[in-house]
Structures are given as C-alpha cells and as structure tokens.
C-alpha cells in the first residue's frame, strides 16, 4: 500500500473533465480517490495524503506504481502465462493486485484479508470488481485471517499491509512467516511490500528474517533506496524453490522507474549481520518522512 507515485496534482484537471475526487473517512484515516486526468476511468487512492494504489477500471493490467509493477513481474513469472493461481493478499487497498491477477490469469482464486472494512466498502462502491472474478474479500487482521486458511492452499502470498503508513510489527516475525509457509504450497512464493530509508535497519532485519525461513530470497528496490539515500518501497520475495532471478532482474531494470535486484551473496551481505525478528523483538517499520511519497 503506502508508496508509489503520487497523483494529487491531477485532481483539478480531472474536475474540469466532470469528475471530482471522492472523499471518505475510513479506518486508516482520510481516504481520497483522485481521478486520473489522462485516463477516463482511472483513479488513485490516497490515505491521509499518502498514495496507496492506482486503479484503471478499463485496464486492470495497468500497474502505475513502481512497487506494484515489481509485484506484477513476480506474478507474471509464477507459472506459465495465463495459468490460474491461488493467491492470498494480506492487505487490500484499492484491490489493484487482485484485479491484475484476475485479468492476467483468468479463473484464479483469490482471498483478500483487509482490516479496514470502511475502505473495502468505499472501493467496492466506487471501483467495483468484475463479478466474474473469483475474489473473496474478508474483513479482519491479516495474521488472524492467515491463521484460518488451509495448509498448502496458496501458490502466492502477498503482504502489503500498512497501518498509519507503517508495516505492523506482528507481520514481521519468524512466527508470522512460519504461518505463511504453512499456507503456501511447497513450491509457493511469498512477496512483501516494505518501506524503509536511512540506515535500512528495518529492511535488513526483514531480509535476515526471510532468509532464516526460506531457502531462496531476493530484494528489489530503487537503487537510491538500497543505498539508504531515499525512503521508499522495497519488494522482498522468498520461496522454498528456485526463483527466476535473471528474468526478474531484467524486467525490473527495464521499468519506467528502473529498480535493482539483490540475491545470493549480495543479499546476505546486505543484512550486515542483522538478526532474524521474533514476536518478542518485532517492531513496526519506521515512520516515513513527511515528503517521502510526494
């Protein structure tokens, strides 16, 4: 959720086209759906002014935010083109990624767990889903909802959960990842959208945690984020099977906002000796600076 490319400057232009921003108070704060001035049925979701998601109702395969495109690349490389998947989304936002999976992999079965039921109602009303898509949205805490899912059900678990622009502490530990592995099939993949900056202590600890729970992992982000020069989003991917590092690297490097992918020895070195996080030591991700996503 939190992150991506802001589109707040498009509100006035969209209004001249007859579309006004839609505003509502939801569990996470003041929500705003801002029309895209370039696309007649596209909207950006902001919470307390921070961009969360972008949805194009005419083109659900369009992923406008860099972190969502990186997750989209991983979805594309999960299996043969068009093959349906079982996907769990921890955090829903504007349901951008569930729409993408449904459009690119018809007949996929998806479960979304989103604690902010008021946000879900807003999105369902203003940005309705195609009724033929197999997407079930459940209200509730992500970890509690995950615990209710069957063992070996999911091909892919995506964690994109933010509370007050921070990843909650209880979704950062080895105990949490143990339940992720329980829900995943043996060759399943876990992908998380995280944010950090500066010394990257949170991100380093999350890499160490994932590496202690999965055999393979990689990290993708803007080079400036990986160097600690800018606060931003990072995609952390892990699996018990080999990951498509070469093709993922190529796709991420070729994006409009090119990213860098780290894996293997470079990723191990990135942790800088950070220890895996447990429920006892877990802490939420750092508070973004005021201008982080402007």
C-alpha atoms as a PDB file:
ATOM      1  CA  UNK A   1       0.000   0.000   0.000  1.00  0.00           C
ATOM      2  CA  UNK A   2       1.917   3.057   1.230  1.00  0.00           C
ATOM      3  CA  UNK A   3       4.216   4.294  -1.504  1.00  0.00           C
ATOM      4  CA  UNK A   4       4.265   4.671  -5.258  1.00  0.00           C
ATOM      5  CA  UNK A   5       3.855   7.749  -7.409  1.00  0.00           C
ATOM      6  CA  UNK A   6       1.578  10.461  -6.069  1.00  0.00           C
ATOM      7  CA  UNK A   7      -1.096  11.917  -8.352  1.00  0.00           C
ATOM      8  CA  UNK A   8      -2.552  14.577  -6.101  1.00  0.00           C
ATOM      9  CA  UNK A   9      -1.870  17.275  -8.697  1.00  0.00           C
ATOM     10  CA  UNK A  10      -4.366  15.725 -11.076  1.00  0.00           C
ATOM     11  CA  UNK A  11      -7.469  16.494  -9.055  1.00  0.00           C
ATOM     12  CA  UNK A  12      -8.225  19.933 -10.517  1.00  0.00           C
ATOM     13  CA  UNK A  13      -7.676  18.818 -14.110  1.00  0.00           C
ATOM     14  CA  UNK A  14      -9.942  15.822 -13.597  1.00  0.00           C
ATOM     15  CA  UNK A  15     -12.615  18.039 -12.116  1.00  0.00           C
ATOM     16  CA  UNK A  16     -12.609  20.102 -15.310  1.00  0.00           C
ATOM     17  CA  UNK A  17     -13.466  16.867 -17.131  1.00  0.00           C
ATOM     18  CA  UNK A  18     -16.521  16.458 -14.894  1.00  0.00           C
ATOM     19  CA  UNK A  19     -15.009  14.054 -12.368  1.00  0.00           C
ATOM     20  CA  UNK A  20     -14.497  15.150  -8.801  1.00  0.00           C
ATOM     21  CA  UNK A  21     -12.346  13.461  -6.152  1.00  0.00           C
ATOM     22  CA  UNK A  22     -14.257  11.154  -3.840  1.00  0.00           C
ATOM     23  CA  UNK A  23     -13.511  11.585  -0.130  1.00  0.00           C
ATOM     24  CA  UNK A  24     -14.431   9.498   2.894  1.00  0.00           C
ATOM     25  CA  UNK A  25     -13.145   8.729   6.366  1.00  0.00           C
ATOM     26  CA  UNK A  26     -12.070   5.102   6.737  1.00  0.00           C
ATOM     27  CA  UNK A  27     -10.329   3.137   9.453  1.00  0.00           C
ATOM     28  CA  UNK A  28      -6.883   4.212   8.260  1.00  0.00           C
ATOM     29  CA  UNK A  29      -7.712   7.929   8.086  1.00  0.00           C
ATOM     30  CA  UNK A  30      -8.938  10.339   5.413  1.00  0.00           C
ATOM     31  CA  UNK A  31      -9.305   8.459   2.132  1.00  0.00           C
ATOM     32  CA  UNK A  32      -9.421  10.185  -1.236  1.00  0.00           C
ATOM     33  CA  UNK A  33      -9.980   8.760  -4.702  1.00  0.00           C
ATOM     34  CA  UNK A  34      -8.391  11.180  -7.157  1.00  0.00           C
ATOM     35  CA  UNK A  35      -9.325  10.901 -10.859  1.00  0.00           C
ATOM     36  CA  UNK A  36      -6.529  10.359 -13.366  1.00  0.00           C
ATOM     37  CA  UNK A  37      -6.629  13.222 -15.883  1.00  0.00           C
ATOM     38  CA  UNK A  38      -5.164  11.045 -18.645  1.00  0.00           C
ATOM     39  CA  UNK A  39      -7.441   8.004 -18.307  1.00  0.00           C
ATOM     40  CA  UNK A  40     -11.229   8.369 -18.119  1.00  0.00           C
ATOM     41  CA  UNK A  41     -11.878   5.540 -15.640  1.00  0.00           C
ATOM     42  CA  UNK A  42      -8.660   5.532 -13.618  1.00  0.00           C
ATOM     43  CA  UNK A  43      -8.236   6.637 -10.009  1.00  0.00           C
ATOM     44  CA  UNK A  44      -5.536   6.959  -7.370  1.00  0.00           C
ATOM     45  CA  UNK A  45      -6.261   6.073  -3.749  1.00  0.00           C
ATOM     46  CA  UNK A  46      -4.660   8.253  -1.080  1.00  0.00           C
ATOM     47  CA  UNK A  47      -4.875   7.814   2.710  1.00  0.00           C
ATOM     48  CA  UNK A  48      -4.060  10.927   4.724  1.00  0.00           C
ATOM     49  CA  UNK A  49      -2.421  12.311   1.590  1.00  0.00           C
ATOM     50  CA  UNK A  50      -0.100   9.327   1.019  1.00  0.00           C
ATOM     51  CA  UNK A  51      -0.601   7.493  -2.294  1.00  0.00           C
ATOM     52  CA  UNK A  52      -1.635   3.873  -1.802  1.00  0.00           C
ATOM     53  CA  UNK A  53      -2.886   2.427  -5.083  1.00  0.00           C
ATOM     54  CA  UNK A  54      -3.836   3.245  -8.665  1.00  0.00           C
ATOM     55  CA  UNK A  55      -6.705   1.521 -10.471  1.00  0.00           C
ATOM     56  CA  UNK A  56      -7.698   1.732 -14.127  1.00  0.00           C
ATOM     57  CA  UNK A  57     -11.143   0.166 -14.474  1.00  0.00           C
ATOM     58  CA  UNK A  58     -10.692  -0.042 -18.250  1.00  0.00           C
ATOM     59  CA  UNK A  59      -7.271  -1.691 -17.995  1.00  0.00           C
ATOM     60  CA  UNK A  60      -6.750  -3.742 -14.805  1.00  0.00           C
ATOM     61  CA  UNK A  61      -3.453  -4.985 -16.208  1.00  0.00           C
ATOM     62  CA  UNK A  62      -2.002  -1.475 -15.886  1.00  0.00           C
ATOM     63  CA  UNK A  63       0.172  -1.116 -12.777  1.00  0.00           C
ATOM     64  CA  UNK A  64       1.045   2.530 -12.333  1.00  0.00           C
ATOM     65  CA  UNK A  65       3.120   2.457  -9.136  1.00  0.00           C
ATOM     66  CA  UNK A  66       6.679   1.102  -9.294  1.00  0.00           C
ATOM     67  CA  UNK A  67       6.300  -1.272  -6.347  1.00  0.00           C
ATOM     68  CA  UNK A  68       3.111  -2.718  -7.829  1.00  0.00           C
ATOM     69  CA  UNK A  69       4.821  -3.274 -11.179  1.00  0.00           C
ATOM     70  CA  UNK A  70       7.572  -5.220  -9.410  1.00  0.00           C
ATOM     71  CA  UNK A  71       4.993  -7.395  -7.681  1.00  0.00           C
ATOM     72  CA  UNK A  72       3.289  -7.759 -11.063  1.00  0.00           C
ATOM     73  CA  UNK A  73       6.521  -9.080 -12.569  1.00  0.00           C
ATOM     74  CA  UNK A  74       6.677 -11.733  -9.860  1.00  0.00           C
ATOM     75  CA  UNK A  75       3.053 -12.680 -10.534  1.00  0.00           C
ATOM     76  CA  UNK A  76       3.839 -12.986 -14.249  1.00  0.00           C
ATOM     77  CA  UNK A  77       6.775 -15.306 -13.546  1.00  0.00           C
ATOM     78  CA  UNK A  78       4.956 -17.556 -11.083  1.00  0.00           C
ATOM     79  CA  UNK A  79       3.763 -20.008 -13.740  1.00  0.00           C
ATOM     80  CA  UNK A  80       3.029 -20.339 -17.445  1.00  0.00           C
ATOM     81  CA  UNK A  81       1.202 -17.394 -18.996  1.00  0.00           C
ATOM     82  CA  UNK A  82      -2.499 -17.409 -18.156  1.00  0.00           C
ATOM     83  CA  UNK A  83      -2.316 -20.335 -15.733  1.00  0.00           C
ATOM     84  CA  UNK A  84      -4.682 -19.716 -12.780  1.00  0.00           C
ATOM     85  CA  UNK A  85      -3.241 -19.352  -9.290  1.00  0.00           C
ATOM     86  CA  UNK A  86      -4.439 -19.485  -5.697  1.00  0.00           C
ATOM     87  CA  UNK A  87      -3.413 -16.156  -4.187  1.00  0.00           C
ATOM     88  CA  UNK A  88      -3.705 -14.671  -0.701  1.00  0.00           C
ATOM     89  CA  UNK A  89      -3.479 -10.893  -0.381  1.00  0.00           C
ATOM     90  CA  UNK A  90      -2.729  -9.594   3.112  1.00  0.00           C
ATOM     91  CA  UNK A  91      -3.932  -6.010   2.783  1.00  0.00           C
ATOM     92  CA  UNK A  92      -6.270  -4.931   0.019  1.00  0.00           C
ATOM     93  CA  UNK A  93      -6.064  -1.199  -0.638  1.00  0.00           C
ATOM     94  CA  UNK A  94      -7.931  -0.472  -3.861  1.00  0.00           C
ATOM     95  CA  UNK A  95      -7.602  -4.174  -4.838  1.00  0.00           C
ATOM     96  CA  UNK A  96      -5.178  -3.298  -7.645  1.00  0.00           C
ATOM     97  CA  UNK A  97      -3.182  -6.535  -7.499  1.00  0.00           C
ATOM     98  CA  UNK A  98      -6.212  -8.844  -7.172  1.00  0.00           C
ATOM     99  CA  UNK A  99      -7.589  -7.148 -10.297  1.00  0.00           C
ATOM    100  CA  UNK A 100      -4.261  -7.698 -12.057  1.00  0.00           C
ATOM    101  CA  UNK A 101      -4.184 -11.401 -11.188  1.00  0.00           C
ATOM    102  CA  UNK A 102      -7.799 -11.845 -12.293  1.00  0.00           C
ATOM    103  CA  UNK A 103      -7.127 -10.102 -15.625  1.00  0.00           C
ATOM    104  CA  UNK A 104      -3.841 -11.824 -16.451  1.00  0.00           C
ATOM    105  CA  UNK A 105      -4.661 -15.245 -15.007  1.00  0.00           C
ATOM    106  CA  UNK A 106      -8.388 -15.935 -15.514  1.00  0.00           C
ATOM    107  CA  UNK A 107     -10.021 -18.481 -13.192  1.00  0.00           C
ATOM    108  CA  UNK A 108      -7.565 -17.679 -10.411  1.00  0.00           C
ATOM    109  CA  UNK A 109      -8.987 -17.995  -6.904  1.00  0.00           C
ATOM    110  CA  UNK A 110      -8.041 -15.157  -4.574  1.00  0.00           C
ATOM    111  CA  UNK A 111      -8.602 -14.296  -0.939  1.00  0.00           C
ATOM    112  CA  UNK A 112      -8.051 -10.760   0.338  1.00  0.00           C
ATOM    113  CA  UNK A 113      -7.770 -10.021   4.061  1.00  0.00           C
ATOM    114  CA  UNK A 114      -8.220  -6.316   4.834  1.00  0.00           C
ATOM    115  CA  UNK A 115      -8.807  -4.945   8.319  1.00  0.00           C
ATOM    116  CA  UNK A 116     -10.216  -1.616   7.094  1.00  0.00           C
ATOM    117  CA  UNK A 117     -13.781  -2.625   6.215  1.00  0.00           C
ATOM    118  CA  UNK A 118     -14.791   1.009   5.580  1.00  0.00           C
ATOM    119  CA  UNK A 119     -12.072   1.226   2.925  1.00  0.00           C
ATOM    120  CA  UNK A 120     -13.305  -2.010   1.352  1.00  0.00           C
ATOM    121  CA  UNK A 121     -16.833  -0.584   1.176  1.00  0.00           C
ATOM    122  CA  UNK A 122     -15.553   2.613  -0.461  1.00  0.00           C
ATOM    123  CA  UNK A 123     -13.536   0.696  -3.051  1.00  0.00           C
ATOM    124  CA  UNK A 124     -16.365  -1.733  -3.820  1.00  0.00           C
ATOM    125  CA  UNK A 125     -18.778   1.163  -4.325  1.00  0.00           C
ATOM    126  CA  UNK A 126     -16.590   3.480  -6.374  1.00  0.00           C
ATOM    127  CA  UNK A 127     -14.269   0.977  -8.099  1.00  0.00           C
ATOM    128  CA  UNK A 128     -16.420  -2.162  -8.484  1.00  0.00           C
ATOM    129  CA  UNK A 129     -14.909  -5.548  -9.276  1.00  0.00           C
ATOM    130  CA  UNK A 130     -15.884  -7.638 -12.269  1.00  0.00           C
ATOM    131  CA  UNK A 131     -18.445 -10.088 -10.910  1.00  0.00           C
ATOM    132  CA  UNK A 132     -16.901 -12.984 -12.824  1.00  0.00           C
ATOM    133  CA  UNK A 133     -13.626 -12.673 -10.879  1.00  0.00           C
ATOM    134  CA  UNK A 134     -13.075 -15.190  -8.098  1.00  0.00           C
ATOM    135  CA  UNK A 135     -12.043 -12.674  -5.457  1.00  0.00           C
ATOM    136  CA  UNK A 136     -13.246 -13.015  -1.875  1.00  0.00           C
ATOM    137  CA  UNK A 137     -12.590 -10.089   0.467  1.00  0.00           C
ATOM    138  CA  UNK A 138     -12.626 -10.761   4.205  1.00  0.00           C
ATOM    139  CA  UNK A 139     -12.506  -8.174   6.959  1.00  0.00           C
ATOM    140  CA  UNK A 140     -10.039  -8.671   9.780  1.00  0.00           C
ATOM    141  CA  UNK A 141      -6.434  -8.649  10.923  1.00  0.00           C
ATOM    142  CA  UNK A 142      -4.033 -10.096   8.355  1.00  0.00           C
ATOM    143  CA  UNK A 143      -2.286 -12.540  10.671  1.00  0.00           C
ATOM    144  CA  UNK A 144      -5.510 -13.737  12.263  1.00  0.00           C
ATOM    145  CA  UNK A 145      -7.044 -14.231   8.828  1.00  0.00           C
ATOM    146  CA  UNK A 146      -3.973 -16.084   7.601  1.00  0.00           C
ATOM    147  CA  UNK A 147      -4.242 -18.489  10.546  1.00  0.00           C
ATOM    148  CA  UNK A 148      -7.717 -19.516   9.358  1.00  0.00           C
ATOM    149  CA  UNK A 149      -6.568 -20.587   5.881  1.00  0.00           C
ATOM    150  CA  UNK A 150      -5.948 -24.211   4.954  1.00  0.00           C
ATOM    151  CA  UNK A 151      -2.478 -25.703   4.812  1.00  0.00           C
ATOM    152  CA  UNK A 152      -0.828 -25.856   1.361  1.00  0.00           C
ATOM    153  CA  UNK A 153      -3.620 -23.773  -0.207  1.00  0.00           C
ATOM    154  CA  UNK A 154      -1.774 -20.852  -1.808  1.00  0.00           C
ATOM    155  CA  UNK A 155       0.616 -20.550  -4.722  1.00  0.00           C
ATOM    156  CA  UNK A 156       1.378 -16.981  -3.710  1.00  0.00           C
ATOM    157  CA  UNK A 157       1.008 -14.905  -0.530  1.00  0.00           C
ATOM    158  CA  UNK A 158       1.386 -11.150  -0.982  1.00  0.00           C
ATOM    159  CA  UNK A 159       1.820  -8.985   2.134  1.00  0.00           C
ATOM    160  CA  UNK A 160       1.047  -5.315   1.533  1.00  0.00           C
ATOM    161  CA  UNK A 161      -0.176  -4.213   4.942  1.00  0.00           C
ATOM    162  CA  UNK A 162       0.236  -0.737   6.379  1.00  0.00           C
ATOM    163  CA  UNK A 163      -1.263   0.894   9.450  1.00  0.00           C
ATOM    164  CA  UNK A 164      -0.528   4.582   9.654  1.00  0.00           C
ATOM    165  CA  UNK A 165       1.987   4.149   6.775  1.00  0.00           C
ATOM    166  CA  UNK A 166       3.877   1.501   8.794  1.00  0.00           C
ATOM    167  CA  UNK A 167       4.038  -2.286   8.490  1.00  0.00           C
ATOM    168  CA  UNK A 168       2.605  -3.682  11.775  1.00  0.00           C
ATOM    169  CA  UNK A 169       5.151  -5.415  14.000  1.00  0.00           C
ATOM    170  CA  UNK A 170       3.269  -8.714  14.197  1.00  0.00           C
ATOM    171  CA  UNK A 171       3.652  -9.156  10.415  1.00  0.00           C
ATOM    172  CA  UNK A 172       7.466  -9.053  10.541  1.00  0.00           C
ATOM    173  CA  UNK A 173       8.481 -12.094  12.600  1.00  0.00           C
ATOM    174  CA  UNK A 174       9.644 -15.662  12.029  1.00  0.00           C
ATOM    175  CA  UNK A 175       6.439 -16.857  13.706  1.00  0.00           C
ATOM    176  CA  UNK A 176       4.386 -14.946  11.143  1.00  0.00           C
ATOM    177  CA  UNK A 177       6.455 -16.394   8.300  1.00  0.00           C
ATOM    178  CA  UNK A 178       6.009 -19.893   9.707  1.00  0.00           C
ATOM    179  CA  UNK A 179       2.274 -19.487   9.170  1.00  0.00           C
ATOM    180  CA  UNK A 180       2.910 -18.091   5.683  1.00  0.00           C
ATOM    181  CA  UNK A 181       4.856 -21.284   4.861  1.00  0.00           C
ATOM    182  CA  UNK A 182       2.053 -23.392   6.294  1.00  0.00           C
ATOM    183  CA  UNK A 183      -0.459 -21.785   3.930  1.00  0.00           C
ATOM    184  CA  UNK A 184       1.872 -21.914   0.922  1.00  0.00           C
ATOM    185  CA  UNK A 185       2.246 -24.975  -1.246  1.00  0.00           C
ATOM    186  CA  UNK A 186       5.781 -26.475  -1.209  1.00  0.00           C
ATOM    187  CA  UNK A 187       6.713 -24.500  -4.338  1.00  0.00           C
ATOM    188  CA  UNK A 188       4.772 -21.403  -3.301  1.00  0.00           C
ATOM    189  CA  UNK A 189       6.113 -17.845  -3.156  1.00  0.00           C
ATOM    190  CA  UNK A 190       5.900 -15.106  -0.520  1.00  0.00           C
ATOM    191  CA  UNK A 191       6.189 -11.471  -1.634  1.00  0.00           C
ATOM    192  CA  UNK A 192       6.080  -8.433   0.656  1.00  0.00           C
ATOM    193  CA  UNK A 193       5.937  -4.706   0.028  1.00  0.00           C
ATOM    194  CA  UNK A 194       8.007  -2.947   2.702  1.00  0.00           C
ATOM    195  CA  UNK A 195       9.262   0.592   3.250  1.00  0.00           C
ATOM    196  CA  UNK A 196      12.436   1.925   4.830  1.00  0.00           C
ATOM    197  CA  UNK A 197      15.155   4.536   4.465  1.00  0.00           C
ATOM    198  CA  UNK A 198      18.334   5.885   6.016  1.00  0.00           C
ATOM    199  CA  UNK A 199      20.310   3.101   7.679  1.00  0.00           C
ATOM    200  CA  UNK A 200      17.771   0.492   6.481  1.00  0.00           C
ATOM    201  CA  UNK A 201      17.779  -1.298   9.850  1.00  0.00           C
ATOM    202  CA  UNK A 202      14.190  -2.489   9.369  1.00  0.00           C
ATOM    203  CA  UNK A 203      14.761  -3.765   5.849  1.00  0.00           C
ATOM    204  CA  UNK A 204      17.995  -5.520   6.813  1.00  0.00           C
ATOM    205  CA  UNK A 205      16.235  -7.290   9.675  1.00  0.00           C
ATOM    206  CA  UNK A 206      13.400  -8.356   7.371  1.00  0.00           C
ATOM    207  CA  UNK A 207      15.850  -9.844   4.877  1.00  0.00           C
ATOM    208  CA  UNK A 208      17.532 -11.741   7.725  1.00  0.00           C
ATOM    209  CA  UNK A 209      14.151 -12.989   8.923  1.00  0.00           C
ATOM    210  CA  UNK A 210      13.085 -14.204   5.487  1.00  0.00           C
ATOM    211  CA  UNK A 211      16.449 -15.876   4.874  1.00  0.00           C
ATOM    212  CA  UNK A 212      16.036 -17.819   8.130  1.00  0.00           C
ATOM    213  CA  UNK A 213      12.646 -19.166   6.982  1.00  0.00           C
ATOM    214  CA  UNK A 214      13.040 -19.741   3.225  1.00  0.00           C
ATOM    215  CA  UNK A 215      15.717 -21.339   1.054  1.00  0.00           C
ATOM    216  CA  UNK A 216      15.620 -18.671  -1.683  1.00  0.00           C
ATOM    217  CA  UNK A 217      15.045 -14.914  -1.488  1.00  0.00           C
ATOM    218  CA  UNK A 218      15.636 -11.642  -3.288  1.00  0.00           C
ATOM    219  CA  UNK A 219      15.098  -7.933  -2.726  1.00  0.00           C
ATOM    220  CA  UNK A 220      14.142  -5.326  -5.329  1.00  0.00           C
ATOM    221  CA  UNK A 221      14.020  -1.550  -4.910  1.00  0.00           C
ATOM    222  CA  UNK A 222      15.100   1.745  -6.369  1.00  0.00           C
ATOM    223  CA  UNK A 223      18.925   1.930  -6.188  1.00  0.00           C
ATOM    224  CA  UNK A 224      18.687   5.106  -4.106  1.00  0.00           C
ATOM    225  CA  UNK A 225      16.554   3.259  -1.548  1.00  0.00           C
ATOM    226  CA  UNK A 226      19.011   0.353  -1.363  1.00  0.00           C
ATOM    227  CA  UNK A 227      21.822   2.842  -0.750  1.00  0.00           C
ATOM    228  CA  UNK A 228      19.855   4.491   2.054  1.00  0.00           C
ATOM    229  CA  UNK A 229      19.656   7.821   0.228  1.00  0.00           C
ATOM    230  CA  UNK A 230      15.880   7.893  -0.054  1.00  0.00           C
ATOM    231  CA  UNK A 231      12.936   6.482   1.865  1.00  0.00           C
ATOM    232  CA  UNK A 232      10.856   4.209  -0.325  1.00  0.00           C
ATOM    233  CA  UNK A 233       9.358   0.853  -1.157  1.00  0.00           C
ATOM    234  CA  UNK A 234      11.149  -2.480  -1.479  1.00  0.00           C
ATOM    235  CA  UNK A 235       9.827  -5.836  -2.668  1.00  0.00           C
ATOM    236  CA  UNK A 236      11.064  -8.821  -0.653  1.00  0.00           C
ATOM    237  CA  UNK A 237      10.419 -12.228  -2.268  1.00  0.00           C
ATOM    238  CA  UNK A 238      11.060 -15.683  -0.812  1.00  0.00           C
ATOM    239  CA  UNK A 239      10.336 -19.310  -1.629  1.00  0.00           C
ATOM    240  CA  UNK A 240      11.325 -22.876  -0.980  1.00  0.00           C
ATOM    241  CA  UNK A 241      12.057 -23.274  -4.691  1.00  0.00           C
ATOM    242  CA  UNK A 242      14.412 -21.568  -7.106  1.00  0.00           C
ATOM    243  CA  UNK A 243      13.328 -18.063  -8.037  1.00  0.00           C
ATOM    244  CA  UNK A 244      13.645 -16.575 -11.557  1.00  0.00           C
ATOM    245  CA  UNK A 245      16.388 -14.120 -10.611  1.00  0.00           C
ATOM    246  CA  UNK A 246      17.671 -13.428 -14.132  1.00  0.00           C
ATOM    247  CA  UNK A 247      14.295 -12.667 -15.708  1.00  0.00           C
ATOM    248  CA  UNK A 248      13.083 -10.725 -12.667  1.00  0.00           C
ATOM    249  CA  UNK A 249      16.268  -8.633 -12.770  1.00  0.00           C
ATOM    250  CA  UNK A 250      15.760  -7.897 -16.466  1.00  0.00           C
ATOM    251  CA  UNK A 251      12.133  -6.862 -16.054  1.00  0.00           C
ATOM    252  CA  UNK A 252      12.716  -4.673 -13.021  1.00  0.00           C
ATOM    253  CA  UNK A 253      15.695  -2.949 -14.670  1.00  0.00           C
ATOM    254  CA  UNK A 254      13.542  -2.229 -17.732  1.00  0.00           C
ATOM    255  CA  UNK A 255      10.727  -0.492 -15.861  1.00  0.00           C
ATOM    256  CA  UNK A 256       9.959   3.235 -16.371  1.00  0.00           C
ATOM    257  CA  UNK A 257      11.474   3.684 -12.880  1.00  0.00           C
ATOM    258  CA  UNK A 258      14.290   1.099 -13.032  1.00  0.00           C
ATOM    259  CA  UNK A 259      14.994  -0.909  -9.918  1.00  0.00           C
ATOM    260  CA  UNK A 260      17.808  -3.159  -8.757  1.00  0.00           C
ATOM    261  CA  UNK A 261      17.509  -6.747  -7.560  1.00  0.00           C
ATOM    262  CA  UNK A 262      19.785  -8.324  -4.945  1.00  0.00           C
ATOM    263  CA  UNK A 263      20.062 -12.053  -4.194  1.00  0.00           C
ATOM    264  CA  UNK A 264      22.578 -14.657  -3.088  1.00  0.00           C
ATOM    265  CA  UNK A 265      25.824 -13.432  -1.550  1.00  0.00           C
ATOM    266  CA  UNK A 266      24.988  -9.761  -2.209  1.00  0.00           C
ATOM    267  CA  UNK A 267      21.728 -10.119  -0.308  1.00  0.00           C
ATOM    268  CA  UNK A 268      23.461 -11.909   2.562  1.00  0.00           C
ATOM    269  CA  UNK A 269      25.968  -9.065   2.748  1.00  0.00           C
ATOM    270  CA  UNK A 270      23.115  -6.543   2.675  1.00  0.00           C
ATOM    271  CA  UNK A 271      21.834  -7.793   6.048  1.00  0.00           C
ATOM    272  CA  UNK A 272      25.005  -6.502   7.712  1.00  0.00           C
ATOM    273  CA  UNK A 273      24.730  -9.087  10.487  1.00  0.00           C
ATOM    274  CA  UNK A 274      21.115  -8.242  11.357  1.00  0.00           C
ATOM    275  CA  UNK A 275      19.327 -10.919  13.385  1.00  0.00           C
ATOM    276  CA  UNK A 276      16.008 -12.505  12.436  1.00  0.00           C
ATOM    277  CA  UNK A 277      12.985 -10.903  14.107  1.00  0.00           C
ATOM    278  CA  UNK A 278      10.756 -12.820  16.535  1.00  0.00           C
ATOM    279  CA  UNK A 279       7.403 -11.900  18.038  1.00  0.00           C
ATOM    280  CA  UNK A 280       9.291 -10.777  21.136  1.00  0.00           C
ATOM    281  CA  UNK A 281      11.695  -8.453  19.289  1.00  0.00           C
ATOM    282  CA  UNK A 282       9.391  -7.298  16.458  1.00  0.00           C
ATOM    283  CA  UNK A 283       8.821  -3.605  15.785  1.00  0.00           C
ATOM    284  CA  UNK A 284       6.779  -1.779  13.172  1.00  0.00           C
ATOM    285  CA  UNK A 285       8.529  -0.307  10.147  1.00  0.00           C
ATOM    286  CA  UNK A 286       9.796   3.275  10.575  1.00  0.00           C
ATOM    287  CA  UNK A 287       7.579   6.322  10.184  1.00  0.00           C
ATOM    288  CA  UNK A 288       8.065   7.794   6.682  1.00  0.00           C
ATOM    289  CA  UNK A 289       9.363  11.364   6.484  1.00  0.00           C
ATOM    290  CA  UNK A 290       6.652  13.908   5.591  1.00  0.00           C
ATOM    291  CA  UNK A 291       7.784  14.210   1.970  1.00  0.00           C
ATOM    292  CA  UNK A 292       8.515  10.501   1.402  1.00  0.00           C
ATOM    293  CA  UNK A 293       5.907   9.836  -1.269  1.00  0.00           C
ATOM    294  CA  UNK A 294       5.341  13.281  -2.765  1.00  0.00           C
END
